Amino acid sequence: MALNPADQHLRHVEKDVLIPKMMREKAREQCSEQVQDFTKCCKNSGILMIVKSWKENSALKECLTSYYNDPAFYEECKMEYLKEREEFRKTGIPAKKRLQKLPTSM
């Protein structure tokens, strides 16, 4: 399903807030191993987590930054956002509600 080029215009909030938010969420999924390592280290280190977990924190930052700085990843998220926006405009149902499982019985 190709998007109409006229429908690809992005408002400031979409370009600077909504798409970067999607990028952060998707990058955290892609870097889930580093997120888990950092979280585990912090839980095990208590108050000294800043000192003890710097290696895990650095690995997490490096992984996330590689996605944030990838123009192809931005374009992928932008296209996904545009598809969600187009679907919302057609149905009036936000993606979160559309993706939720419908009850099988009432």
Protein backbone atom coordinates (compact mmCIF):
# COMPACT_ATOMS: atom_id res chain seq x y z
CA MET A 1 0.00 0.00 0.00
CA ALA A 2 1.77 3.14 -1.21
CA LEU A 3 1.21 6.39 0.61
CA ASN A 4 0.15 9.44 -1.32
CA PRO A 5 3.11 11.90 -1.37
CA ALA A 6 0.73 14.70 -0.35
CA ASP A 7 -0.12 12.72 2.80
CA GLN A 8 3.54 12.53 3.82
CA HIS A 9 3.71 16.12 5.09
CA LEU A 10 4.70 16.10 8.74
CA ARG A 11 3.79 18.67 11.34
CA HIS A 12 6.50 19.91 13.72
CA VAL A 13 5.18 17.78 16.59
CA GLU A 14 5.17 14.67 14.42
CA LYS A 15 8.70 15.23 13.12
CA ASP A 16 10.27 16.33 16.41
CA VAL A 17 8.22 14.48 19.04
CA LEU A 18 6.06 11.60 17.81
CA ILE A 19 8.48 9.93 15.37
CA PRO A 20 11.46 10.24 17.77
CA LYS A 21 9.26 8.70 20.50
CA MET A 22 8.54 5.77 18.18
CA MET A 23 12.27 5.52 17.44
CA ARG A 24 13.09 5.37 21.17
CA GLU A 25 10.51 2.64 21.77
CA LYS A 26 11.68 0.56 18.81
CA ALA A 27 15.36 1.09 19.68
CA ARG A 28 14.72 -0.12 23.24
CA GLU A 29 13.18 -3.27 21.75
CA GLN A 30 16.20 -3.74 19.46
CA CYS A 31 18.59 -3.16 22.39
CA SER A 32 16.60 -5.33 24.81
CA GLU A 33 19.67 -7.36 25.81
CA GLN A 34 21.55 -4.20 26.84
CA VAL A 35 18.44 -2.85 28.61
CA GLN A 36 18.14 -6.09 30.60
CA ASP A 37 21.85 -6.12 31.47
CA PHE A 38 21.75 -2.51 32.69
CA THR A 39 18.53 -3.05 34.67
CA LYS A 40 19.91 -6.20 36.30
CA CYS A 41 23.17 -4.46 37.19
CA CYS A 42 21.34 -1.48 38.72
CA LYS A 43 19.09 -3.73 40.80
CA ASN A 44 22.11 -5.67 42.09
CA SER A 45 24.26 -2.59 42.77
CA GLY A 46 21.93 -0.51 44.94
CA ILE A 47 23.20 2.98 45.66
CA LEU A 48 26.52 2.31 43.87
CA MET A 49 24.77 1.59 40.56
CA ILE A 50 26.33 4.62 38.84
CA VAL A 51 29.83 3.37 39.57
CA LYS A 52 29.22 -0.36 39.20
CA SER A 53 27.01 -0.27 36.09
CA TRP A 54 28.96 2.18 33.91
CA LYS A 55 29.98 -0.61 31.49
CA GLU A 56 26.38 -1.76 31.01
CA ASN A 57 25.21 1.87 30.76
CA SER A 58 27.82 2.60 28.09
CA ALA A 59 26.81 -0.47 26.08
CA LEU A 60 23.14 0.55 26.29
CA LYS A 61 23.88 4.15 25.23
CA GLU A 62 26.02 2.93 22.33
CA CYS A 63 23.29 0.59 21.11
CA LEU A 64 20.52 3.19 21.39
CA THR A 65 22.62 5.93 19.79
CA SER A 66 23.42 3.71 16.81
CA TYR A 67 19.67 3.52 16.11
CA TYR A 68 18.96 7.21 16.86
CA ASN A 69 21.66 8.28 14.38
CA ASP A 70 20.62 5.88 11.60
CA PRO A 71 18.78 7.74 8.81
CA ALA A 72 17.32 4.47 7.48
CA PHE A 73 15.87 3.69 10.93
CA TYR A 74 14.32 7.18 11.03
CA GLU A 75 12.75 6.62 7.59
CA GLU A 76 11.44 3.20 8.67
CA CYS A 77 9.81 4.74 11.77
CA LYS A 78 8.49 7.66 9.73
CA MET A 79 6.81 5.35 7.24
CA GLU A 80 5.33 3.26 10.05
CA TYR A 81 4.05 6.46 11.70
CA LEU A 82 2.52 7.65 8.41
CA LYS A 83 0.74 4.31 7.92
CA GLU A 84 -0.64 4.46 11.47
CA ARG A 85 -1.75 8.06 10.93
CA GLU A 86 -3.44 7.16 7.64
CA GLU A 87 -5.26 4.24 9.29
CA PHE A 88 -6.37 6.53 12.15
CA ARG A 89 -7.70 9.07 9.66
CA LYS A 90 -9.71 6.31 7.94
CA THR A 91 -11.09 4.61 11.04
CA GLY A 92 -10.82 7.14 13.85
CA ILE A 93 -9.37 4.37 16.04
CA PRO A 94 -5.88 4.96 17.52
CA ALA A 95 -3.28 2.26 16.82
CA LYS A 96 -3.10 1.27 20.50
CA LYS A 97 -6.80 0.44 20.59
CA ARG A 98 -6.72 -1.18 17.16
CA LEU A 99 -3.88 -3.49 18.21
CA GLN A 100 -5.47 -4.52 21.49
CA LYS A 101 -7.00 -7.94 21.51
CA LEU A 102 -10.74 -7.91 21.13
CA PRO A 103 -12.73 -9.90 23.69
CA THR A 104 -13.79 -13.28 22.34
CA SER A 105 -16.88 -13.55 24.51
CA MET A 106 -19.16 -11.14 26.27
